[in-house]
Amino acid sequence: MTADSKIAIVTGANRGLGRDTALRLAEDGVDLIITYRSHAEEAQDLIDTVTAATGPGRTAYALQLDTGRLDGFDAFTEDVRRLLKEGWGRDSFDFLVNNAGTAGYAPIAETTVEAFDELLNVHFRGVYFLTQKLVPLIADGGRIVNISTGLTRFTFAGSSAYASMKGAVEVFTRYLAEELGARGITANTVAPGPVATDFGGGRLRGSEDMRTMLGGRTALGRVGAPEDIGGVVAALLSGRTGWVTGQRLEASGGILL
């Protein structure tokens, strides 16, 4: 625990892409504050894995957060402020990765207002206003990465609401880059293609036919795995990519080129 450690907040890091991102950052020597909505045991397992693998001096904490509930953001921000002071003797952190999300599959004709609002709250309102709360705590020269989706470039029926929220996040990210540039803070999106994880109840991971179909339309011949994405996010947060901002980086293995 040193005052000059790089510190990242990764939301929804107890599983999937968020977990792999946190692990890659820890490998790069970054300290962590991760969030989870449920499954606290998974979050604790990640903390234990990080601290065991990286040895003495690596610091990681887990905080519960529902990114779809804006009324919890003030308390969360105060928890972050407290951890920064108690854990590192600092008033700021360096990297914010807005990864937390939930799936939604329905044709336009069958999308309910309730389902639409849930996706809106988690994927856009939550990202927008959580970032707003945390920006004052991001150190000058820091980095923001928002997780989007390949579905903002290509389309598959049944994902209109989900993809629309991610499209809004991509626009928001460009505005973050513009408005925070004077502080040296970069903002980018990473847009994964199909990845076999627990997302959406493990829909893709559990369907060999779907993986075969999508892999057949991908230049690299398969769907993604979490470890294909975490390293991309970590690379954008490295010291060598500070001139990249306001960009959308698709990590999809070349699907539907």
C-alpha atoms as a PDB file:
ATOM      1  CA  MET A   1       0.000   0.000   0.000  1.00  0.00           C
ATOM      2  CA  THR A   2       1.886   3.006  -1.299  1.00  0.00           C
ATOM      3  CA  ALA A   3       0.751   6.513  -2.093  1.00  0.00           C
ATOM      4  CA  ASP A   4       2.065   6.255  -5.671  1.00  0.00           C
ATOM      5  CA  SER A   5       0.219   3.024  -6.541  1.00  0.00           C
ATOM      6  CA  LYS A   6      -2.078   3.163  -9.548  1.00  0.00           C
ATOM      7  CA  ILE A   7      -5.629   2.428  -8.390  1.00  0.00           C
ATOM      8  CA  ALA A   8      -8.516   1.222 -10.554  1.00  0.00           C
ATOM      9  CA  ILE A   9     -12.233   0.910  -9.888  1.00  0.00           C
ATOM     10  CA  VAL A  10     -13.792  -1.899 -11.938  1.00  0.00           C
ATOM     11  CA  THR A  11     -17.556  -2.324 -11.680  1.00  0.00           C
ATOM     12  CA  GLY A  12     -19.152  -5.735 -11.924  1.00  0.00           C
ATOM     13  CA  ALA A  13     -15.807  -7.461 -11.470  1.00  0.00           C
ATOM     14  CA  ASN A  14     -16.903 -10.577  -9.609  1.00  0.00           C
ATOM     15  CA  ARG A  15     -17.218 -12.572 -12.845  1.00  0.00           C
ATOM     16  CA  GLY A  16     -16.801 -12.520 -16.605  1.00  0.00           C
ATOM     17  CA  LEU A  17     -15.095  -9.644 -18.401  1.00  0.00           C
ATOM     18  CA  GLY A  18     -14.827  -7.556 -15.240  1.00  0.00           C
ATOM     19  CA  ARG A  19     -13.034 -10.316 -13.379  1.00  0.00           C
ATOM     20  CA  ASP A  20     -10.516 -10.861 -16.145  1.00  0.00           C
ATOM     21  CA  THR A  21      -9.950  -7.109 -16.446  1.00  0.00           C
ATOM     22  CA  ALA A  22      -9.242  -6.889 -12.721  1.00  0.00           C
ATOM     23  CA  LEU A  23      -6.804  -9.817 -12.921  1.00  0.00           C
ATOM     24  CA  ARG A  24      -4.935  -8.290 -15.880  1.00  0.00           C
ATOM     25  CA  LEU A  25      -4.678  -4.949 -14.085  1.00  0.00           C
ATOM     26  CA  ALA A  26      -3.360  -6.635 -10.957  1.00  0.00           C
ATOM     27  CA  GLU A  27      -0.727  -8.371 -13.076  1.00  0.00           C
ATOM     28  CA  ASP A  28       0.298  -4.912 -14.280  1.00  0.00           C
ATOM     29  CA  GLY A  29       0.766  -3.750 -10.696  1.00  0.00           C
ATOM     30  CA  VAL A  30      -2.507  -1.850 -10.348  1.00  0.00           C
ATOM     31  CA  ASP A  31      -4.368  -1.828  -7.027  1.00  0.00           C
ATOM     32  CA  LEU A  32      -8.104  -2.427  -7.144  1.00  0.00           C
ATOM     33  CA  ILE A  33     -11.497  -1.437  -5.863  1.00  0.00           C
ATOM     34  CA  ILE A  34     -13.988  -3.823  -7.438  1.00  0.00           C
ATOM     35  CA  THR A  35     -17.762  -3.826  -7.216  1.00  0.00           C
ATOM     36  CA  TYR A  36     -20.365  -6.552  -7.280  1.00  0.00           C
ATOM     37  CA  ARG A  37     -24.153  -6.430  -7.175  1.00  0.00           C
ATOM     38  CA  SER A  38     -24.610  -9.936  -5.772  1.00  0.00           C
ATOM     39  CA  HIS A  39     -22.511 -13.072  -5.217  1.00  0.00           C
ATOM     40  CA  ALA A  40     -20.224 -11.554  -2.606  1.00  0.00           C
ATOM     41  CA  GLU A  41     -18.374 -14.872  -2.425  1.00  0.00           C
ATOM     42  CA  GLU A  42     -17.223 -14.436  -6.036  1.00  0.00           C
ATOM     43  CA  ALA A  43     -15.952 -10.950  -5.264  1.00  0.00           C
ATOM     44  CA  GLN A  44     -14.058 -12.244  -2.225  1.00  0.00           C
ATOM     45  CA  ASP A  45     -12.586 -15.059  -4.307  1.00  0.00           C
ATOM     46  CA  LEU A  46     -11.261 -12.470  -6.751  1.00  0.00           C
ATOM     47  CA  ILE A  47      -9.757 -10.417  -3.922  1.00  0.00           C
ATOM     48  CA  ASP A  48      -8.095 -13.552  -2.528  1.00  0.00           C
ATOM     49  CA  THR A  49      -6.811 -14.525  -5.982  1.00  0.00           C
ATOM     50  CA  VAL A  50      -5.352 -11.088  -6.629  1.00  0.00           C
ATOM     51  CA  THR A  51      -3.604 -10.773  -3.299  1.00  0.00           C
ATOM     52  CA  ALA A  52      -2.278 -14.350  -3.401  1.00  0.00           C
ATOM     53  CA  ALA A  53      -0.986 -14.093  -6.962  1.00  0.00           C
ATOM     54  CA  THR A  54       0.669 -10.699  -6.747  1.00  0.00           C
ATOM     55  CA  GLY A  55       2.269 -11.036  -3.317  1.00  0.00           C
ATOM     56  CA  PRO A  56       2.677  -8.590  -0.452  1.00  0.00           C
ATOM     57  CA  GLY A  57       1.910  -4.979  -1.228  1.00  0.00           C
ATOM     58  CA  ARG A  58      -0.878  -5.476  -3.741  1.00  0.00           C
ATOM     59  CA  THR A  59      -4.099  -4.054  -2.352  1.00  0.00           C
ATOM     60  CA  ALA A  60      -7.669  -4.888  -3.377  1.00  0.00           C
ATOM     61  CA  TYR A  61     -11.077  -4.189  -1.885  1.00  0.00           C
ATOM     62  CA  ALA A  62     -14.627  -5.175  -2.848  1.00  0.00           C
ATOM     63  CA  LEU A  63     -17.683  -2.956  -2.439  1.00  0.00           C
ATOM     64  CA  GLN A  64     -21.312  -3.871  -3.067  1.00  0.00           C
ATOM     65  CA  LEU A  65     -22.991  -1.680  -5.691  1.00  0.00           C
ATOM     66  CA  ASP A  66     -26.108  -1.940  -7.822  1.00  0.00           C
ATOM     67  CA  THR A  67     -25.270   0.284 -10.780  1.00  0.00           C
ATOM     68  CA  GLY A  68     -28.956   0.483 -11.692  1.00  0.00           C
ATOM     69  CA  ARG A  69     -29.820   2.180  -8.387  1.00  0.00           C
ATOM     70  CA  LEU A  70     -28.755   5.804  -8.507  1.00  0.00           C
ATOM     71  CA  ASP A  71     -29.857   6.362  -4.920  1.00  0.00           C
ATOM     72  CA  GLY A  72     -26.866   4.326  -3.748  1.00  0.00           C
ATOM     73  CA  PHE A  73     -24.216   6.353  -5.560  1.00  0.00           C
ATOM     74  CA  ASP A  74     -23.635   8.955  -2.856  1.00  0.00           C
ATOM     75  CA  ALA A  75     -22.925   6.303  -0.224  1.00  0.00           C
ATOM     76  CA  PHE A  76     -20.718   4.377  -2.634  1.00  0.00           C
ATOM     77  CA  THR A  77     -18.709   7.495  -3.430  1.00  0.00           C
ATOM     78  CA  GLU A  78     -18.150   8.107   0.269  1.00  0.00           C
ATOM     79  CA  ASP A  79     -17.033   4.481   0.689  1.00  0.00           C
ATOM     80  CA  VAL A  80     -14.527   4.986  -2.132  1.00  0.00           C
ATOM     81  CA  ARG A  81     -13.294   8.203  -0.537  1.00  0.00           C
ATOM     82  CA  ARG A  82     -12.823   6.373   2.776  1.00  0.00           C
ATOM     83  CA  LEU A  83     -10.981   3.437   1.206  1.00  0.00           C
ATOM     84  CA  LEU A  84      -8.644   5.741  -0.681  1.00  0.00           C
ATOM     85  CA  LYS A  85      -7.720   7.523   2.517  1.00  0.00           C
ATOM     86  CA  GLU A  86      -7.457   4.453   4.727  1.00  0.00           C
ATOM     87  CA  GLY A  87      -5.895   2.087   2.197  1.00  0.00           C
ATOM     88  CA  TRP A  88      -3.553   4.362   0.300  1.00  0.00           C
ATOM     89  CA  GLY A  89      -3.478   7.710   2.086  1.00  0.00           C
ATOM     90  CA  ARG A  90      -4.824   9.309  -1.077  1.00  0.00           C
ATOM     91  CA  ASP A  91      -7.753  11.441  -2.179  1.00  0.00           C
ATOM     92  CA  SER A  92      -7.935  10.143  -5.751  1.00  0.00           C
ATOM     93  CA  PHE A  93      -7.770   7.050  -7.930  1.00  0.00           C
ATOM     94  CA  ASP A  94      -6.479   6.643 -11.472  1.00  0.00           C
ATOM     95  CA  PHE A  95      -8.659   4.371 -13.594  1.00  0.00           C
ATOM     96  CA  LEU A  96     -12.414   3.834 -13.880  1.00  0.00           C
ATOM     97  CA  VAL A  97     -13.759   0.838 -15.803  1.00  0.00           C
ATOM     98  CA  ASN A  98     -17.552   0.899 -16.196  1.00  0.00           C
ATOM     99  CA  ASN A  99     -18.124  -2.785 -16.897  1.00  0.00           C
ATOM    100  CA  ALA A 100     -21.194  -3.841 -14.872  1.00  0.00           C
ATOM    101  CA  GLY A 101     -24.156  -4.849 -16.975  1.00  0.00           C
ATOM    102  CA  THR A 102     -27.107  -7.098 -17.502  1.00  0.00           C
ATOM    103  CA  ALA A 103     -28.470  -8.783 -20.616  1.00  0.00           C
ATOM    104  CA  GLY A 104     -31.758  -8.194 -22.376  1.00  0.00           C
ATOM    105  CA  TYR A 105     -33.075 -10.170 -25.345  1.00  0.00           C
ATOM    106  CA  ALA A 106     -36.415  -9.386 -26.989  1.00  0.00           C
ATOM    107  CA  PRO A 107     -37.660  -8.257 -30.393  1.00  0.00           C
ATOM    108  CA  ILE A 108     -38.738  -4.610 -30.599  1.00  0.00           C
ATOM    109  CA  ALA A 109     -42.398  -5.646 -30.721  1.00  0.00           C
ATOM    110  CA  GLU A 110     -42.058  -7.562 -27.453  1.00  0.00           C
ATOM    111  CA  THR A 111     -39.825  -5.205 -25.454  1.00  0.00           C
ATOM    112  CA  THR A 112     -41.650  -3.993 -22.362  1.00  0.00           C
ATOM    113  CA  VAL A 113     -41.248  -0.616 -20.724  1.00  0.00           C
ATOM    114  CA  GLU A 114     -40.042  -2.370 -17.576  1.00  0.00           C
ATOM    115  CA  ALA A 115     -37.324  -4.311 -19.411  1.00  0.00           C
ATOM    116  CA  PHE A 116     -36.301  -1.199 -21.337  1.00  0.00           C
ATOM    117  CA  ASP A 117     -36.031   0.848 -18.147  1.00  0.00           C
ATOM    118  CA  GLU A 118     -33.929  -1.816 -16.417  1.00  0.00           C
ATOM    119  CA  LEU A 119     -31.428  -1.762 -19.284  1.00  0.00           C
ATOM    120  CA  LEU A 120     -31.505   2.033 -19.338  1.00  0.00           C
ATOM    121  CA  ASN A 121     -30.801   2.286 -15.618  1.00  0.00           C
ATOM    122  CA  VAL A 122     -27.883  -0.143 -15.630  1.00  0.00           C
ATOM    123  CA  HIS A 123     -26.252   0.558 -18.961  1.00  0.00           C
ATOM    124  CA  PHE A 124     -26.740   4.279 -19.473  1.00  0.00           C
ATOM    125  CA  ARG A 125     -28.179   6.230 -16.549  1.00  0.00           C
ATOM    126  CA  GLY A 126     -26.005   4.257 -14.142  1.00  0.00           C
ATOM    127  CA  VAL A 127     -22.841   4.713 -16.192  1.00  0.00           C
ATOM    128  CA  TYR A 128     -23.557   8.409 -16.734  1.00  0.00           C
ATOM    129  CA  PHE A 129     -24.310   9.364 -13.150  1.00  0.00           C
ATOM    130  CA  LEU A 130     -21.829   7.037 -11.434  1.00  0.00           C
ATOM    131  CA  THR A 131     -19.114   8.528 -13.608  1.00  0.00           C
ATOM    132  CA  GLN A 132     -20.394  12.001 -12.738  1.00  0.00           C
ATOM    133  CA  LYS A 133     -20.040  11.186  -9.026  1.00  0.00           C
ATOM    134  CA  LEU A 134     -16.563   9.697  -9.382  1.00  0.00           C
ATOM    135  CA  VAL A 135     -14.942  12.154 -11.798  1.00  0.00           C
ATOM    136  CA  PRO A 136     -13.951  14.539  -8.957  1.00  0.00           C
ATOM    137  CA  LEU A 137     -12.017  11.635  -7.398  1.00  0.00           C
ATOM    138  CA  ILE A 138     -10.136  10.689 -10.577  1.00  0.00           C
ATOM    139  CA  ALA A 139      -6.568  11.961 -10.596  1.00  0.00           C
ATOM    140  CA  ASP A 140      -5.485  14.313 -13.353  1.00  0.00           C
ATOM    141  CA  GLY A 141      -3.987  12.194 -16.102  1.00  0.00           C
ATOM    142  CA  GLY A 142      -6.354   9.321 -15.272  1.00  0.00           C
ATOM    143  CA  ARG A 143      -8.266   7.042 -17.614  1.00  0.00           C
ATOM    144  CA  ILE A 144     -11.883   5.989 -18.121  1.00  0.00           C
ATOM    145  CA  VAL A 145     -12.908   2.901 -20.102  1.00  0.00           C
ATOM    146  CA  ASN A 146     -16.581   2.169 -20.714  1.00  0.00           C
ATOM    147  CA  ILE A 147     -17.558  -1.290 -21.915  1.00  0.00           C
ATOM    148  CA  SER A 148     -19.813  -1.219 -24.965  1.00  0.00           C
ATOM    149  CA  THR A 149     -20.685  -3.987 -27.432  1.00  0.00           C
ATOM    150  CA  GLY A 150     -20.054  -4.988 -31.010  1.00  0.00           C
ATOM    151  CA  LEU A 151     -23.833  -4.745 -31.424  1.00  0.00           C
ATOM    152  CA  THR A 152     -23.509  -0.981 -31.900  1.00  0.00           C
ATOM    153  CA  ARG A 153     -21.824  -1.732 -35.260  1.00  0.00           C
ATOM    154  CA  PHE A 154     -23.590  -4.918 -36.410  1.00  0.00           C
ATOM    155  CA  THR A 155     -27.076  -6.154 -35.601  1.00  0.00           C
ATOM    156  CA  PHE A 156     -28.705  -9.341 -34.387  1.00  0.00           C
ATOM    157  CA  ALA A 157     -32.472  -9.365 -33.888  1.00  0.00           C
ATOM    158  CA  GLY A 158     -33.548  -9.181 -30.261  1.00  0.00           C
ATOM    159  CA  SER A 159     -30.838  -6.821 -29.003  1.00  0.00           C
ATOM    160  CA  SER A 160     -32.240  -3.423 -29.983  1.00  0.00           C
ATOM    161  CA  ALA A 161     -32.748  -2.034 -26.464  1.00  0.00           C
ATOM    162  CA  TYR A 162     -29.448  -3.309 -25.094  1.00  0.00           C
ATOM    163  CA  ALA A 163     -27.477  -2.082 -28.102  1.00  0.00           C
ATOM    164  CA  SER A 164     -29.206   1.300 -27.996  1.00  0.00           C
ATOM    165  CA  MET A 165     -28.054   1.860 -24.423  1.00  0.00           C
ATOM    166  CA  LYS A 166     -24.504   0.955 -25.396  1.00  0.00           C
ATOM    167  CA  GLY A 167     -24.689   3.315 -28.359  1.00  0.00           C
ATOM    168  CA  ALA A 168     -25.595   6.086 -25.930  1.00  0.00           C
ATOM    169  CA  VAL A 169     -22.595   5.151 -23.783  1.00  0.00           C
ATOM    170  CA  GLU A 170     -20.310   5.486 -26.797  1.00  0.00           C
ATOM    171  CA  VAL A 171     -21.573   9.016 -27.441  1.00  0.00           C
ATOM    172  CA  PHE A 172     -21.241   9.837 -23.732  1.00  0.00           C
ATOM    173  CA  THR A 173     -17.654   8.600 -23.813  1.00  0.00           C
ATOM    174  CA  ARG A 174     -16.710  11.021 -26.573  1.00  0.00           C
ATOM    175  CA  TYR A 175     -18.152  13.866 -24.541  1.00  0.00           C
ATOM    176  CA  LEU A 176     -16.203  12.708 -21.492  1.00  0.00           C
ATOM    177  CA  ALA A 177     -13.043  12.807 -23.583  1.00  0.00           C
ATOM    178  CA  GLU A 178     -13.841  16.359 -24.694  1.00  0.00           C
ATOM    179  CA  GLU A 179     -14.811  17.733 -21.305  1.00  0.00           C
ATOM    180  CA  LEU A 180     -12.094  16.012 -19.250  1.00  0.00           C
ATOM    181  CA  GLY A 181      -9.258  16.486 -21.706  1.00  0.00           C
ATOM    182  CA  ALA A 182      -8.066  19.654 -19.987  1.00  0.00           C
ATOM    183  CA  ARG A 183      -7.247  17.499 -16.947  1.00  0.00           C
ATOM    184  CA  GLY A 184      -5.348  14.992 -19.056  1.00  0.00           C
ATOM    185  CA  ILE A 185      -8.037  12.346 -18.481  1.00  0.00           C
ATOM    186  CA  THR A 186      -8.725  10.045 -21.418  1.00  0.00           C
ATOM    187  CA  ALA A 187     -12.030   8.265 -22.079  1.00  0.00           C
ATOM    188  CA  ASN A 188     -12.547   5.369 -24.484  1.00  0.00           C
ATOM    189  CA  THR A 189     -14.913   2.487 -25.083  1.00  0.00           C
ATOM    190  CA  VAL A 190     -14.049  -1.158 -25.589  1.00  0.00           C
ATOM    191  CA  ALA A 191     -16.674  -3.017 -27.612  1.00  0.00           C
ATOM    192  CA  PRO A 192     -16.472  -6.812 -27.265  1.00  0.00           C
ATOM    193  CA  GLY A 193     -17.997  -9.121 -29.801  1.00  0.00           C
ATOM    194  CA  PRO A 194     -19.702 -12.345 -28.684  1.00  0.00           C
ATOM    195  CA  VAL A 195     -17.960 -13.677 -25.561  1.00  0.00           C
ATOM    196  CA  ALA A 196     -18.765 -16.962 -23.835  1.00  0.00           C
ATOM    197  CA  THR A 197     -19.381 -15.931 -20.212  1.00  0.00           C
ATOM    198  CA  ASP A 198     -22.157 -16.053 -17.600  1.00  0.00           C
ATOM    199  CA  PHE A 199     -23.706 -12.973 -19.246  1.00  0.00           C
ATOM    200  CA  GLY A 200     -27.360 -13.462 -20.063  1.00  0.00           C
ATOM    201  CA  GLY A 201     -27.480 -16.660 -18.039  1.00  0.00           C
ATOM    202  CA  GLY A 202     -24.582 -18.139 -20.001  1.00  0.00           C
ATOM    203  CA  ARG A 203     -26.681 -18.147 -23.162  1.00  0.00           C
ATOM    204  CA  LEU A 204     -23.705 -18.197 -25.549  1.00  0.00           C
ATOM    205  CA  ARG A 205     -21.455 -20.317 -23.372  1.00  0.00           C
ATOM    206  CA  GLY A 206     -24.151 -22.977 -23.124  1.00  0.00           C
ATOM    207  CA  SER A 207     -24.972 -23.232 -26.843  1.00  0.00           C
ATOM    208  CA  GLU A 208     -22.437 -25.005 -29.032  1.00  0.00           C
ATOM    209  CA  ASP A 209     -24.587 -24.329 -32.103  1.00  0.00           C
ATOM    210  CA  MET A 210     -24.568 -20.585 -31.430  1.00  0.00           C
ATOM    211  CA  ARG A 211     -20.817 -20.537 -30.804  1.00  0.00           C
ATOM    212  CA  THR A 212     -20.223 -22.448 -34.035  1.00  0.00           C
ATOM    213  CA  MET A 213     -22.457 -20.124 -36.031  1.00  0.00           C
ATOM    214  CA  LEU A 214     -20.919 -16.930 -34.669  1.00  0.00           C
ATOM    215  CA  GLY A 215     -17.383 -18.322 -34.831  1.00  0.00           C
ATOM    216  CA  GLY A 216     -17.966 -19.114 -38.485  1.00  0.00           C
ATOM    217  CA  ARG A 217     -18.672 -15.424 -39.144  1.00  0.00           C
ATOM    218  CA  THR A 218     -15.567 -14.261 -37.260  1.00  0.00           C
ATOM    219  CA  ALA A 219     -12.191 -13.733 -38.913  1.00  0.00           C
ATOM    220  CA  LEU A 220     -10.326 -15.559 -36.133  1.00  0.00           C
ATOM    221  CA  GLY A 221     -12.745 -18.475 -36.300  1.00  0.00           C
ATOM    222  CA  ARG A 222     -14.253 -18.542 -32.811  1.00  0.00           C
ATOM    223  CA  VAL A 223     -16.204 -16.523 -30.281  1.00  0.00           C
ATOM    224  CA  GLY A 224     -14.337 -14.689 -27.561  1.00  0.00           C
ATOM    225  CA  ALA A 225     -13.353 -15.672 -24.034  1.00  0.00           C
ATOM    226  CA  PRO A 226     -13.015 -13.288 -21.063  1.00  0.00           C
ATOM    227  CA  GLU A 227      -9.230 -13.336 -21.356  1.00  0.00           C
ATOM    228  CA  ASP A 228      -9.555 -11.906 -24.872  1.00  0.00           C
ATOM    229  CA  ILE A 229     -11.051  -8.717 -23.447  1.00  0.00           C
ATOM    230  CA  GLY A 230      -9.412  -7.999 -20.091  1.00  0.00           C
ATOM    231  CA  GLY A 231      -6.011  -7.484 -21.669  1.00  0.00           C
ATOM    232  CA  VAL A 232      -7.431  -4.990 -24.154  1.00  0.00           C
ATOM    233  CA  VAL A 233      -8.881  -2.889 -21.338  1.00  0.00           C
ATOM    234  CA  ALA A 234      -5.625  -3.121 -19.392  1.00  0.00           C
ATOM    235  CA  ALA A 235      -3.693  -2.004 -22.474  1.00  0.00           C
ATOM    236  CA  LEU A 236      -5.831   1.138 -22.749  1.00  0.00           C
ATOM    237  CA  LEU A 237      -4.996   1.884 -19.133  1.00  0.00           C
ATOM    238  CA  SER A 238      -1.275   1.374 -19.584  1.00  0.00           C
ATOM    239  CA  GLY A 239       1.275   4.164 -19.711  1.00  0.00           C
ATOM    240  CA  ARG A 240       1.713   3.738 -23.467  1.00  0.00           C
ATOM    241  CA  THR A 241      -1.760   4.672 -24.698  1.00  0.00           C
ATOM    242  CA  GLY A 242      -2.233   8.146 -23.266  1.00  0.00           C
ATOM    243  CA  TRP A 243      -2.689   9.744 -26.698  1.00  0.00           C
ATOM    244  CA  VAL A 244      -5.801   7.634 -27.405  1.00  0.00           C
ATOM    245  CA  THR A 245      -9.049   9.260 -26.307  1.00  0.00           C
ATOM    246  CA  GLY A 246     -12.631   9.499 -27.479  1.00  0.00           C
ATOM    247  CA  GLN A 247     -12.271   6.248 -29.399  1.00  0.00           C
ATOM    248  CA  ARG A 248     -14.246   3.036 -29.792  1.00  0.00           C
ATOM    249  CA  LEU A 249     -12.005  -0.047 -29.845  1.00  0.00           C
ATOM    250  CA  GLU A 250     -13.786  -3.185 -30.988  1.00  0.00           C
ATOM    251  CA  ALA A 251     -12.358  -6.449 -29.630  1.00  0.00           C
ATOM    252  CA  SER A 252     -14.422  -8.995 -31.536  1.00  0.00           C
ATOM    253  CA  GLY A 253     -11.991 -11.264 -33.347  1.00  0.00           C
ATOM    254  CA  GLY A 254     -13.183  -9.645 -36.573  1.00  0.00           C
ATOM    255  CA  ILE A 255     -16.843 -10.653 -36.604  1.00  0.00           C
ATOM    256  CA  LEU A 256     -18.927  -9.632 -39.622  1.00  0.00           C
ATOM    257  CA  LEU A 257     -16.149  -7.734 -41.345  1.00  0.00           C
END
